[in-house]
PDB file of all heavy atoms in Angstrom:
ATOM      1  N   ASN A   1     116.731  69.291 115.923  1.00  0.00           N
ATOM      2  CA  ASN A   1     116.590  70.742 115.837  1.00  0.00           C
ATOM      3  C   ASN A   1     116.939  71.212 114.422  1.00  0.00           C
ATOM      4  O   ASN A   1     117.926  70.752 113.847  1.00  0.00           O
ATOM      5  CB  ASN A   1     117.515  71.431 116.841  1.00  0.00           C
ATOM      6  CG  ASN A   1     117.159  71.094 118.280  1.00  0.00           C
ATOM      7  OD1 ASN A   1     115.988  70.985 118.625  1.00  0.00           O
ATOM      8  ND2 ASN A   1     118.172  70.929 119.116  1.00  0.00           N
ATOM      9  N   PHE A   2     116.150  72.129 113.904  1.00  0.00           N
ATOM     10  CA  PHE A   2     116.359  72.633 112.550  1.00  0.00           C
ATOM     11  C   PHE A   2     116.515  74.156 112.565  1.00  0.00           C
ATOM     12  O   PHE A   2     115.835  74.851 113.318  1.00  0.00           O
ATOM     13  CB  PHE A   2     115.184  72.257 111.646  1.00  0.00           C
ATOM     14  CG  PHE A   2     115.065  70.781 111.392  1.00  0.00           C
ATOM     15  CD1 PHE A   2     114.284  69.984 112.211  1.00  0.00           C
ATOM     16  CD2 PHE A   2     115.763  70.185 110.355  1.00  0.00           C
ATOM     17  CE1 PHE A   2     114.176  68.618 111.992  1.00  0.00           C
ATOM     18  CE2 PHE A   2     115.669  68.817 110.122  1.00  0.00           C
ATOM     19  CZ  PHE A   2     114.872  68.034 110.941  1.00  0.00           C
ATOM     20  N   ILE A   3     117.415  74.623 111.702  1.00  0.00           N
ATOM     21  CA  ILE A   3     117.589  76.061 111.517  1.00  0.00           C
ATOM     22  C   ILE A   3     117.535  76.356 110.022  1.00  0.00           C
ATOM     23  O   ILE A   3     118.300  75.791 109.242  1.00  0.00           O
ATOM     24  CB  ILE A   3     118.921  76.558 112.097  1.00  0.00           C
ATOM     25  CG1 ILE A   3     118.989  76.285 113.594  1.00  0.00           C
ATOM     26  CG2 ILE A   3     119.090  78.062 111.825  1.00  0.00           C
ATOM     27  CD1 ILE A   3     120.321  76.656 114.241  1.00  0.00           C
ATOM     28  N   GLY A   4     116.612  77.219 109.652  1.00  0.00           N
ATOM     29  CA  GLY A   4     116.496  77.649 108.261  1.00  0.00           C
ATOM     30  C   GLY A   4     117.251  78.947 108.061  1.00  0.00           C
ATOM     31  O   GLY A   4     117.193  79.852 108.906  1.00  0.00           O
ATOM     32  N   ILE A   5     117.958  79.043 106.953  1.00  0.00           N
ATOM     33  CA  ILE A   5     118.767  80.221 106.659  1.00  0.00           C
ATOM     34  C   ILE A   5     118.335  80.807 105.324  1.00  0.00           C
ATOM     35  O   ILE A   5     118.264  80.092 104.315  1.00  0.00           O
ATOM     36  CB  ILE A   5     120.264  79.853 106.620  1.00  0.00           C
ATOM     37  CG1 ILE A   5     120.703  79.335 107.991  1.00  0.00           C
ATOM     38  CG2 ILE A   5     121.119  81.056 106.211  1.00  0.00           C
ATOM     39  CD1 ILE A   5     122.054  78.659 107.979  1.00  0.00           C
ATOM     40  N   GLU A   6     118.037  82.087 105.317  1.00  0.00           N
ATOM     41  CA  GLU A   6     117.605  82.764 104.093  1.00  0.00           C
ATOM     42  C   GLU A   6     118.138  84.195 104.091  1.00  0.00           C
ATOM     43  O   GLU A   6     118.138  84.865 105.123  1.00  0.00           O
ATOM     44  CB  GLU A   6     116.074  82.759 104.010  1.00  0.00           C
ATOM     45  CG  GLU A   6     115.482  83.541 102.850  1.00  0.00           C
ATOM     46  CD  GLU A   6     115.992  83.100 101.492  1.00  0.00           C
ATOM     47  OE1 GLU A   6     116.002  81.881 101.222  1.00  0.00           O
ATOM     48  OE2 GLU A   6     116.400  83.981 100.702  1.00  0.00           O
ATOM     49  N   LYS A   7     118.566  84.635 102.942  1.00  0.00           N
ATOM     50  CA  LYS A   7     119.189  85.951 102.816  1.00  0.00           C
ATOM     51  C   LYS A   7     118.165  87.082 102.758  1.00  0.00           C
ATOM     52  O   LYS A   7     118.435  88.199 103.211  1.00  0.00           O
ATOM     53  CB  LYS A   7     120.056  85.967 101.556  1.00  0.00           C
ATOM     54  CG  LYS A   7     120.776  87.269 101.288  1.00  0.00           C
ATOM     55  CD  LYS A   7     121.632  87.160 100.032  1.00  0.00           C
ATOM     56  CE  LYS A   7     122.348  88.461  99.717  1.00  0.00           C
ATOM     57  NZ  LYS A   7     123.186  88.337  98.477  1.00  0.00           N
ATOM     58  N   TYR A   8     116.975  86.793 102.212  1.00  0.00           N
ATOM     59  CA  TYR A   8     116.041  87.869 101.897  1.00  0.00           C
ATOM     60  C   TYR A   8     114.851  87.920 102.848  1.00  0.00           C
ATOM     61  O   TYR A   8     114.048  86.978 102.904  1.00  0.00           O
ATOM     62  CB  TYR A   8     115.537  87.714 100.465  1.00  0.00           C
ATOM     63  CG  TYR A   8     116.643  87.741  99.438  1.00  0.00           C
ATOM     64  CD1 TYR A   8     117.075  86.560  98.823  1.00  0.00           C
ATOM     65  CD2 TYR A   8     117.282  88.933  99.106  1.00  0.00           C
ATOM     66  CE1 TYR A   8     118.107  86.588  97.890  1.00  0.00           C
ATOM     67  CE2 TYR A   8     118.309  88.958  98.172  1.00  0.00           C
ATOM     68  CZ  TYR A   8     118.717  87.778  97.570  1.00  0.00           C
ATOM     69  OH  TYR A   8     119.739  87.805  96.647  1.00  0.00           O
ATOM     70  N   PRO A   9     114.695  89.012 103.611  1.00  0.00           N
ATOM     71  CA  PRO A   9     113.563  89.146 104.536  1.00  0.00           C
ATOM     72  C   PRO A   9     112.209  89.039 103.845  1.00  0.00           C
ATOM     73  O   PRO A   9     111.266  88.472 104.406  1.00  0.00           O
ATOM     74  CB  PRO A   9     113.760  90.550 105.133  1.00  0.00           C
ATOM     75  CG  PRO A   9     115.202  90.855 104.962  1.00  0.00           C
ATOM     76  CD  PRO A   9     115.610  90.180 103.689  1.00  0.00           C
ATOM     77  N   THR A  10     112.106  89.559 102.625  1.00  0.00           N
ATOM     78  CA  THR A  10     110.844  89.518 101.893  1.00  0.00           C
ATOM     79  C   THR A  10     110.387  88.081 101.652  1.00  0.00           C
ATOM     80  O   THR A  10     109.204  87.767 101.753  1.00  0.00           O
ATOM     81  CB  THR A  10     110.985  90.253 100.549  1.00  0.00           C
ATOM     82  OG1 THR A  10     111.284  91.630 100.804  1.00  0.00           O
ATOM     83  CG2 THR A  10     109.702  90.178  99.752  1.00  0.00           C
ATOM     84  N   VAL A  11     111.334  87.197 101.346  1.00  0.00           N
ATOM     85  CA  VAL A  11     111.004  85.782 101.144  1.00  0.00           C
ATOM     86  C   VAL A  11     110.558  85.152 102.461  1.00  0.00           C
ATOM     87  O   VAL A  11     109.602  84.363 102.504  1.00  0.00           O
ATOM     88  CB  VAL A  11     112.213  85.024 100.571  1.00  0.00           C
ATOM     89  CG1 VAL A  11     111.908  83.537 100.440  1.00  0.00           C
ATOM     90  CG2 VAL A  11     112.605  85.589  99.210  1.00  0.00           C
ATOM     91  N   LEU A  12     111.234  85.507 103.547  1.00  0.00           N
ATOM     92  CA  LEU A  12     110.922  84.915 104.846  1.00  0.00           C
ATOM     93  C   LEU A  12     109.521  85.264 105.342  1.00  0.00           C
ATOM     94  O   LEU A  12     108.930  84.508 106.120  1.00  0.00           O
ATOM     95  CB  LEU A  12     111.949  85.366 105.884  1.00  0.00           C
ATOM     96  CG  LEU A  12     113.310  84.681 105.814  1.00  0.00           C
ATOM     97  CD1 LEU A  12     114.238  85.251 106.871  1.00  0.00           C
ATOM     98  CD2 LEU A  12     113.170  83.173 105.994  1.00  0.00           C
ATOM     99  N   LEU A  13     108.976  86.374 104.901  1.00  0.00           N
ATOM    100  CA  LEU A  13     107.626  86.744 105.320  1.00  0.00           C
ATOM    101  C   LEU A  13     106.630  85.634 105.021  1.00  0.00           C
ATOM    102  O   LEU A  13     105.736  85.338 105.825  1.00  0.00           O
ATOM    103  CB  LEU A  13     107.194  88.037 104.618  1.00  0.00           C
ATOM    104  CG  LEU A  13     107.796  89.339 105.135  1.00  0.00           C
ATOM    105  CD1 LEU A  13     107.333  90.508 104.266  1.00  0.00           C
ATOM    106  CD2 LEU A  13     107.396  89.582 106.585  1.00  0.00           C
ATOM    107  N   LYS A  14     106.777  84.998 103.874  1.00  0.00           N
ATOM    108  CA  LYS A  14     105.853  83.932 103.477  1.00  0.00           C
ATOM    109  C   LYS A  14     106.054  82.689 104.337  1.00  0.00           C
ATOM    110  O   LYS A  14     105.099  81.972 104.641  1.00  0.00           O
ATOM    111  CB  LYS A  14     106.019  83.624 101.998  1.00  0.00           C
ATOM    112  CG  LYS A  14     105.646  84.808 101.107  1.00  0.00           C
ATOM    113  CD  LYS A  14     105.695  84.484  99.628  1.00  0.00           C
ATOM    114  CE  LYS A  14     105.260  85.687  98.814  1.00  0.00           C
ATOM    115  NZ  LYS A  14     105.266  85.409  97.349  1.00  0.00           N
ATOM    116  N   ALA A  15     107.302  82.431 104.723  1.00  0.00           N
ATOM    117  CA  ALA A  15     107.575  81.296 105.606  1.00  0.00           C
ATOM    118  C   ALA A  15     106.938  81.521 106.980  1.00  0.00           C
ATOM    119  O   ALA A  15     106.309  80.620 107.548  1.00  0.00           O
ATOM    120  CB  ALA A  15     109.075  81.087 105.742  1.00  0.00           C
ATOM    121  N   PHE A  16     107.091  82.720 107.500  1.00  0.00           N
ATOM    122  CA  PHE A  16     106.542  83.012 108.825  1.00  0.00           C
ATOM    123  C   PHE A  16     105.018  82.975 108.818  1.00  0.00           C
ATOM    124  O   PHE A  16     104.397  82.599 109.818  1.00  0.00           O
ATOM    125  CB  PHE A  16     107.044  84.372 109.311  1.00  0.00           C
ATOM    126  CG  PHE A  16     108.469  84.341 109.785  1.00  0.00           C
ATOM    127  CD1 PHE A  16     109.419  85.180 109.235  1.00  0.00           C
ATOM    128  CD2 PHE A  16     108.877  83.468 110.772  1.00  0.00           C
ATOM    129  CE1 PHE A  16     110.735  85.154 109.657  1.00  0.00           C
ATOM    130  CE2 PHE A  16     110.187  83.425 111.215  1.00  0.00           C
ATOM    131  CZ  PHE A  16     111.116  84.267 110.653  1.00  0.00           C
ATOM    132  N   LYS A  17     104.426  83.335 107.703  1.00  0.00           N
ATOM    133  CA  LYS A  17     102.962  83.268 107.603  1.00  0.00           C
ATOM    134  C   LYS A  17     102.496  81.816 107.729  1.00  0.00           C
ATOM    135  O   LYS A  17     101.499  81.528 108.386  1.00  0.00           O
ATOM    136  CB  LYS A  17     102.494  83.857 106.276  1.00  0.00           C
ATOM    137  CG  LYS A  17     100.979  83.958 106.155  1.00  0.00           C
ATOM    138  CD  LYS A  17     100.560  84.685 104.876  1.00  0.00           C
ATOM    139  CE  LYS A  17      99.041  84.801 104.791  1.00  0.00           C
ATOM    140  NZ  LYS A  17      98.614  85.523 103.559  1.00  0.00           N
ATOM    141  N   LYS A  18     103.242  80.881 107.118  1.00  0.00           N
ATOM    142  CA  LYS A  18     102.906  79.457 107.230  1.00  0.00           C
ATOM    143  C   LYS A  18     103.061  78.981 108.668  1.00  0.00           C
ATOM    144  O   LYS A  18     102.300  78.136 109.143  1.00  0.00           O
ATOM    145  CB  LYS A  18     103.808  78.636 106.305  1.00  0.00           C
ATOM    146  CG  LYS A  18     103.618  78.930 104.833  1.00  0.00           C
ATOM    147  CD  LYS A  18     104.663  78.229 103.985  1.00  0.00           C
ATOM    148  CE  LYS A  18     104.538  78.637 102.522  1.00  0.00           C
ATOM    149  NZ  LYS A  18     105.605  78.035 101.687  1.00  0.00           N
ATOM    150  N   LEU A  19     104.046  79.511 109.368  1.00  0.00           N
ATOM    151  CA  LEU A  19     104.318  79.071 110.734  1.00  0.00           C
ATOM    152  C   LEU A  19     103.274  79.543 111.736  1.00  0.00           C
ATOM    153  O   LEU A  19     103.260  79.059 112.876  1.00  0.00           O
ATOM    154  CB  LEU A  19     105.713  79.552 111.156  1.00  0.00           C
ATOM    155  CG  LEU A  19     106.867  78.740 110.558  1.00  0.00           C
ATOM    156  CD1 LEU A  19     108.188  79.481 110.748  1.00  0.00           C
ATOM    157  CD2 LEU A  19     106.925  77.353 111.192  1.00  0.00           C
ATOM    158  N   ASP A  20     102.417  80.457 111.336  1.00  0.00           N
ATOM    159  CA  ASP A  20     101.332  80.887 112.215  1.00  0.00           C
ATOM    160  C   ASP A  20     100.430  79.718 112.601  1.00  0.00           C
ATOM    161  O   ASP A  20      99.742  79.762 113.628  1.00  0.00           O
ATOM    162  CB  ASP A  20     100.482  81.968 111.528  1.00  0.00           C
ATOM    163  CG  ASP A  20     101.199  83.309 111.455  1.00  0.00           C
ATOM    164  OD1 ASP A  20     102.164  83.509 112.215  1.00  0.00           O
ATOM    165  OD2 ASP A  20     100.790  84.150 110.631  1.00  0.00           O
ATOM    166  N   ASN A  21     100.453  78.663 111.778  1.00  0.00           N
ATOM    167  CA  ASN A  21      99.579  77.515 112.016  1.00  0.00           C
ATOM    168  C   ASN A  21     100.218  76.433 112.886  1.00  0.00           C
ATOM    169  O   ASN A  21      99.605  75.399 113.133  1.00  0.00           O
ATOM    170  CB  ASN A  21      99.177  76.887 110.674  1.00  0.00           C
ATOM    171  CG  ASN A  21      98.443  77.870 109.772  1.00  0.00           C
ATOM    172  OD1 ASN A  21      97.572  78.597 110.242  1.00  0.00           O
ATOM    173  ND2 ASN A  21      98.798  77.899 108.503  1.00  0.00           N
ATOM    174  N   TYR A  22     101.461  76.670 113.335  1.00  0.00           N
ATOM    175  CA  TYR A  22     102.182  75.643 114.068  1.00  0.00           C
ATOM    176  C   TYR A  22     102.811  76.206 115.343  1.00  0.00           C
ATOM    177  O   TYR A  22     102.979  77.415 115.488  1.00  0.00           O
ATOM    178  CB  TYR A  22     103.304  75.036 113.212  1.00  0.00           C
ATOM    179  CG  TYR A  22     102.824  74.437 111.912  1.00  0.00           C
ATOM    180  CD1 TYR A  22     102.959  75.146 110.717  1.00  0.00           C
ATOM    181  CD2 TYR A  22     102.249  73.170 111.874  1.00  0.00           C
ATOM    182  CE1 TYR A  22     102.527  74.603 109.513  1.00  0.00           C
ATOM    183  CE2 TYR A  22     101.818  72.623 110.681  1.00  0.00           C
ATOM    184  CZ  TYR A  22     101.953  73.340 109.502  1.00  0.00           C
ATOM    185  OH  TYR A  22     101.524  72.797 108.319  1.00  0.00           O
ATOM    186  N   LYS A  23     103.185  75.273 116.223  1.00  0.00           N
ATOM    187  CA  LYS A  23     103.992  75.613 117.385  1.00  0.00           C
ATOM    188  C   LYS A  23     105.126  74.592 117.429  1.00  0.00           C
ATOM    189  O   LYS A  23     104.974  73.484 117.956  1.00  0.00           O
ATOM    190  CB  LYS A  23     103.169  75.572 118.670  1.00  0.00           C
ATOM    191  CG  LYS A  23     103.951  76.043 119.892  1.00  0.00           C
ATOM    192  CD  LYS A  23     103.082  76.080 121.139  1.00  0.00           C
ATOM    193  CE  LYS A  23     103.887  76.577 122.335  1.00  0.00           C
ATOM    194  NZ  LYS A  23     103.064  76.611 123.561  1.00  0.00           N
ATOM    195  N   LEU A  24     106.260  74.952 116.855  1.00  0.00           N
ATOM    196  CA  LEU A  24     107.388  74.035 116.708  1.00  0.00           C
ATOM    197  C   LEU A  24     108.543  74.493 117.589  1.00  0.00           C
ATOM    198  O   LEU A  24     109.131  75.552 117.351  1.00  0.00           O
ATOM    199  CB  LEU A  24     107.833  73.977 115.238  1.00  0.00           C
ATOM    200  CG  LEU A  24     106.762  73.522 114.231  1.00  0.00           C
ATOM    201  CD1 LEU A  24     107.272  73.688 112.811  1.00  0.00           C
ATOM    202  CD2 LEU A  24     106.373  72.077 114.494  1.00  0.00           C
ATOM    203  N   ASN A  25     108.870  73.697 118.575  1.00  0.00           N
ATOM    204  CA  ASN A  25     109.970  74.047 119.475  1.00  0.00           C
ATOM    205  C   ASN A  25     111.339  73.696 118.905  1.00  0.00           C
ATOM    206  O   ASN A  25     112.365  74.069 119.486  1.00  0.00           O
ATOM    207  CB  ASN A  25     109.779  73.332 120.818  1.00  0.00           C
ATOM    208  CG  ASN A  25     108.519  73.764 121.549  1.00  0.00           C
ATOM    209  OD1 ASN A  25     108.167  74.942 121.513  1.00  0.00           O
ATOM    210  ND2 ASN A  25     107.850  72.821 122.182  1.00  0.00           N
ATOM    211  N   ASN A  26     111.353  72.993 117.785  1.00  0.00           N
ATOM    212  CA  ASN A  26     112.621  72.529 117.202  1.00  0.00           C
ATOM    213  C   ASN A  26     112.979  73.246 115.908  1.00  0.00           C
ATOM    214  O   ASN A  26     113.712  72.717 115.077  1.00  0.00           O
ATOM    215  CB  ASN A  26     112.554  71.017 116.952  1.00  0.00           C
ATOM    216  CG  ASN A  26     111.483  70.625 115.936  1.00  0.00           C
ATOM    217  OD1 ASN A  26     110.446  71.293 115.827  1.00  0.00           O
ATOM    218  ND2 ASN A  26     111.721  69.549 115.208  1.00  0.00           N
ATOM    219  N   LEU A  27     112.481  74.447 115.733  1.00  0.00           N
ATOM    220  CA  LEU A  27     112.768  75.209 114.513  1.00  0.00           C
ATOM    221  C   LEU A  27     113.092  76.663 114.836  1.00  0.00           C
ATOM    222  O   LEU A  27     112.378  77.317 115.598  1.00  0.00           O
ATOM    223  CB  LEU A  27     111.571  75.161 113.562  1.00  0.00           C
ATOM    224  CG  LEU A  27     111.684  75.992 112.274  1.00  0.00           C
ATOM    225  CD1 LEU A  27     112.832  75.505 111.400  1.00  0.00           C
ATOM    226  CD2 LEU A  27     110.377  75.974 111.496  1.00  0.00           C
ATOM    227  N   LYS A  28     114.182  77.154 114.240  1.00  0.00           N
ATOM    228  CA  LYS A  28     114.545  78.565 114.315  1.00  0.00           C
ATOM    229  C   LYS A  28     114.947  79.025 112.914  1.00  0.00           C
ATOM    230  O   LYS A  28     115.306  78.207 112.051  1.00  0.00           O
ATOM    231  CB  LYS A  28     115.711  78.792 115.290  1.00  0.00           C
ATOM    232  CG  LYS A  28     115.379  78.466 116.744  1.00  0.00           C
ATOM    233  CD  LYS A  28     114.324  79.408 117.303  1.00  0.00           C
ATOM    234  CE  LYS A  28     114.023  79.077 118.769  1.00  0.00           C
ATOM    235  NZ  LYS A  28     112.952  79.971 119.317  1.00  0.00           N
ATOM    236  N   ILE A  29     114.918  80.317 112.699  1.00  0.00           N
ATOM    237  CA  ILE A  29     115.203  80.876 111.380  1.00  0.00           C
ATOM    238  C   ILE A  29     116.146  82.070 111.499  1.00  0.00           C
ATOM    239  O   ILE A  29     116.006  82.901 112.402  1.00  0.00           O
ATOM    240  CB  ILE A  29     113.893  81.290 110.670  1.00  0.00           C
ATOM    241  CG1 ILE A  29     113.059  80.029 110.367  1.00  0.00           C
ATOM    242  CG2 ILE A  29     114.179  82.048 109.376  1.00  0.00           C
ATOM    243  CD1 ILE A  29     111.677  80.315 109.833  1.00  0.00           C
ATOM    244  N   ILE A  30     117.098  82.121 110.573  1.00  0.00           N
ATOM    245  CA  ILE A  30     118.112  83.170 110.553  1.00  0.00           C
ATOM    246  C   ILE A  30     118.093  83.865 109.189  1.00  0.00           C
ATOM    247  O   ILE A  30     117.968  83.207 108.159  1.00  0.00           O
ATOM    248  CB  ILE A  30     119.515  82.581 110.791  1.00  0.00           C
ATOM    249  CG1 ILE A  30     119.611  81.956 112.189  1.00  0.00           C
ATOM    250  CG2 ILE A  30     120.596  83.636 110.627  1.00  0.00           C
ATOM    251  CD1 ILE A  30     120.903  81.195 112.412  1.00  0.00           C
ATOM    252  N   CYS A  31     118.252  85.168 109.189  1.00  0.00           N
ATOM    253  CA  CYS A  31     118.329  85.939 107.946  1.00  0.00           C
ATOM    254  C   CYS A  31     119.759  86.454 107.780  1.00  0.00           C
ATOM    255  O   CYS A  31     120.137  87.491 108.342  1.00  0.00           O
ATOM    256  CB  CYS A  31     117.333  87.094 107.977  1.00  0.00           C
ATOM    257  SG  CYS A  31     117.211  88.003 106.413  1.00  0.00           S
ATOM    258  N   ILE A  32     120.568  85.693 107.032  1.00  0.00           N
ATOM    259  CA  ILE A  32     121.953  86.084 106.770  1.00  0.00           C
ATOM    260  C   ILE A  32     122.339  85.655 105.357  1.00  0.00           C
ATOM    261  O   ILE A  32     121.658  84.842 104.730  1.00  0.00           O
ATOM    262  CB  ILE A  32     122.957  85.429 107.760  1.00  0.00           C
ATOM    263  CG1 ILE A  32     122.887  83.903 107.657  1.00  0.00           C
ATOM    264  CG2 ILE A  32     122.742  85.918 109.171  1.00  0.00           C
ATOM    265  CD1 ILE A  32     124.051  83.183 108.291  1.00  0.00           C
ATOM    266  N   ASP A  33     123.447  86.184 104.876  1.00  0.00           N
ATOM    267  CA  ASP A  33     124.050  85.712 103.632  1.00  0.00           C
ATOM    268  C   ASP A  33     124.825  84.436 103.948  1.00  0.00           C
ATOM    269  O   ASP A  33     125.493  84.341 104.983  1.00  0.00           O
ATOM    270  CB  ASP A  33     124.996  86.779 103.091  1.00  0.00           C
ATOM    271  CG  ASP A  33     125.445  86.488 101.672  1.00  0.00           C
ATOM    272  OD1 ASP A  33     125.999  85.395 101.437  1.00  0.00           O
ATOM    273  OD2 ASP A  33     125.263  87.350 100.793  1.00  0.00           O
ATOM    274  N   ALA A  34     124.752  83.441 103.067  1.00  0.00           N
ATOM    275  CA  ALA A  34     125.419  82.155 103.310  1.00  0.00           C
ATOM    276  C   ALA A  34     126.923  82.299 103.525  1.00  0.00           C
ATOM    277  O   ALA A  34     127.531  81.475 104.217  1.00  0.00           O
ATOM    278  CB  ALA A  34     125.150  81.201 102.150  1.00  0.00           C
ATOM    279  N   LYS A  35     127.520  83.336 102.977  1.00  0.00           N
ATOM    280  CA  LYS A  35     128.963  83.505 103.137  1.00  0.00           C
ATOM    281  C   LYS A  35     129.366  83.790 104.582  1.00  0.00           C
ATOM    282  O   LYS A  35     130.544  83.697 104.936  1.00  0.00           O
ATOM    283  CB  LYS A  35     129.484  84.605 102.215  1.00  0.00           C
ATOM    284  CG  LYS A  35     128.973  85.998 102.526  1.00  0.00           C
ATOM    285  CD  LYS A  35     129.451  87.000 101.478  1.00  0.00           C
ATOM    286  CE  LYS A  35     128.937  88.408 101.772  1.00  0.00           C
ATOM    287  NZ  LYS A  35     129.355  89.366 100.716  1.00  0.00           N
ATOM    288  N   GLU A  36     128.391  84.097 105.432  1.00  0.00           N
ATOM    289  CA  GLU A  36     128.655  84.341 106.852  1.00  0.00           C
ATOM    290  C   GLU A  36     128.500  83.091 107.704  1.00  0.00           C
ATOM    291  O   GLU A  36     128.617  83.151 108.931  1.00  0.00           O
ATOM    292  CB  GLU A  36     127.697  85.417 107.383  1.00  0.00           C
ATOM    293  CG  GLU A  36     127.776  86.755 106.695  1.00  0.00           C
ATOM    294  CD  GLU A  36     126.728  87.713 107.239  1.00  0.00           C
ATOM    295  OE1 GLU A  36     126.750  87.999 108.449  1.00  0.00           O
ATOM    296  OE2 GLU A  36     125.866  88.150 106.451  1.00  0.00           O
ATOM    297  N   ILE A  37     128.263  81.949 107.071  1.00  0.00           N
ATOM    298  CA  ILE A  37     127.875  80.745 107.807  1.00  0.00           C
ATOM    299  C   ILE A  37     128.874  80.360 108.886  1.00  0.00           C
ATOM    300  O   ILE A  37     128.493  79.949 109.994  1.00  0.00           O
ATOM    301  CB  ILE A  37     127.654  79.582 106.807  1.00  0.00           C
ATOM    302  CG1 ILE A  37     126.900  78.442 107.473  1.00  0.00           C
ATOM    303  CG2 ILE A  37     128.953  79.085 106.200  1.00  0.00           C
ATOM    304  CD1 ILE A  37     125.436  78.678 107.606  1.00  0.00           C
ATOM    305  N   ASP A  38     130.163  80.496 108.608  1.00  0.00           N
ATOM    306  CA  ASP A  38     131.172  80.114 109.605  1.00  0.00           C
ATOM    307  C   ASP A  38     131.383  81.179 110.662  1.00  0.00           C
ATOM    308  O   ASP A  38     132.150  80.974 111.610  1.00  0.00           O
ATOM    309  CB  ASP A  38     132.498  79.768 108.922  1.00  0.00           C
ATOM    310  CG  ASP A  38     133.014  80.877 108.034  1.00  0.00           C
ATOM    311  OD1 ASP A  38     132.207  81.723 107.593  1.00  0.00           O
ATOM    312  OD2 ASP A  38     134.231  80.912 107.766  1.00  0.00           O
ATOM    313  N   GLU A  39     130.704  82.307 110.539  1.00  0.00           N
ATOM    314  CA  GLU A  39     130.715  83.327 111.587  1.00  0.00           C
ATOM    315  C   GLU A  39     129.566  83.114 112.571  1.00  0.00           C
ATOM    316  O   GLU A  39     129.540  83.719 113.639  1.00  0.00           O
ATOM    317  CB  GLU A  39     130.594  84.722 110.960  1.00  0.00           C
ATOM    318  CG  GLU A  39     131.724  85.088 110.007  1.00  0.00           C
ATOM    319  CD  GLU A  39     131.483  86.418 109.320  1.00  0.00           C
ATOM    320  OE1 GLU A  39     130.777  87.261 109.901  1.00  0.00           O
ATOM    321  OE2 GLU A  39     131.987  86.609 108.197  1.00  0.00           O
ATOM    322  N   VAL A  40     128.628  82.236 112.199  1.00  0.00           N
ATOM    323  CA  VAL A  40     127.431  81.992 113.006  1.00  0.00           C
ATOM    324  C   VAL A  40     127.500  80.668 113.753  1.00  0.00           C
ATOM    325  O   VAL A  40     127.047  80.566 114.898  1.00  0.00           O
ATOM    326  CB  VAL A  40     126.174  82.037 112.106  1.00  0.00           C
ATOM    327  CG1 VAL A  40     124.926  81.629 112.890  1.00  0.00           C
ATOM    328  CG2 VAL A  40     125.990  83.431 111.513  1.00  0.00           C
ATOM    329  N   PHE A  41     128.082  79.638 113.110  1.00  0.00           N
ATOM    330  CA  PHE A  41     128.150  78.313 113.721  1.00  0.00           C
ATOM    331  C   PHE A  41     129.590  77.871 113.909  1.00  0.00           C
ATOM    332  O   PHE A  41     130.482  78.299 113.171  1.00  0.00           O
ATOM    333  CB  PHE A  41     127.433  77.276 112.844  1.00  0.00           C
ATOM    334  CG  PHE A  41     125.994  77.593 112.567  1.00  0.00           C
ATOM    335  CD1 PHE A  41     125.597  78.068 111.328  1.00  0.00           C
ATOM    336  CD2 PHE A  41     125.029  77.408 113.543  1.00  0.00           C
ATOM    337  CE1 PHE A  41     124.265  78.352 111.058  1.00  0.00           C
ATOM    338  CE2 PHE A  41     123.705  77.693 113.292  1.00  0.00           C
ATOM    339  CZ  PHE A  41     123.318  78.170 112.039  1.00  0.00           C
TER     340      PHE A  41
END
């Protein structure tokens, strides 16, 4: 299982556009600042 973390929603738009071509059950994406990492996991 993979989780991608990115701070900027504008950058993530391009990632999600690429994902339109796939169906991946082992991938999720989070939009947070890295300094919050220990508040999430």
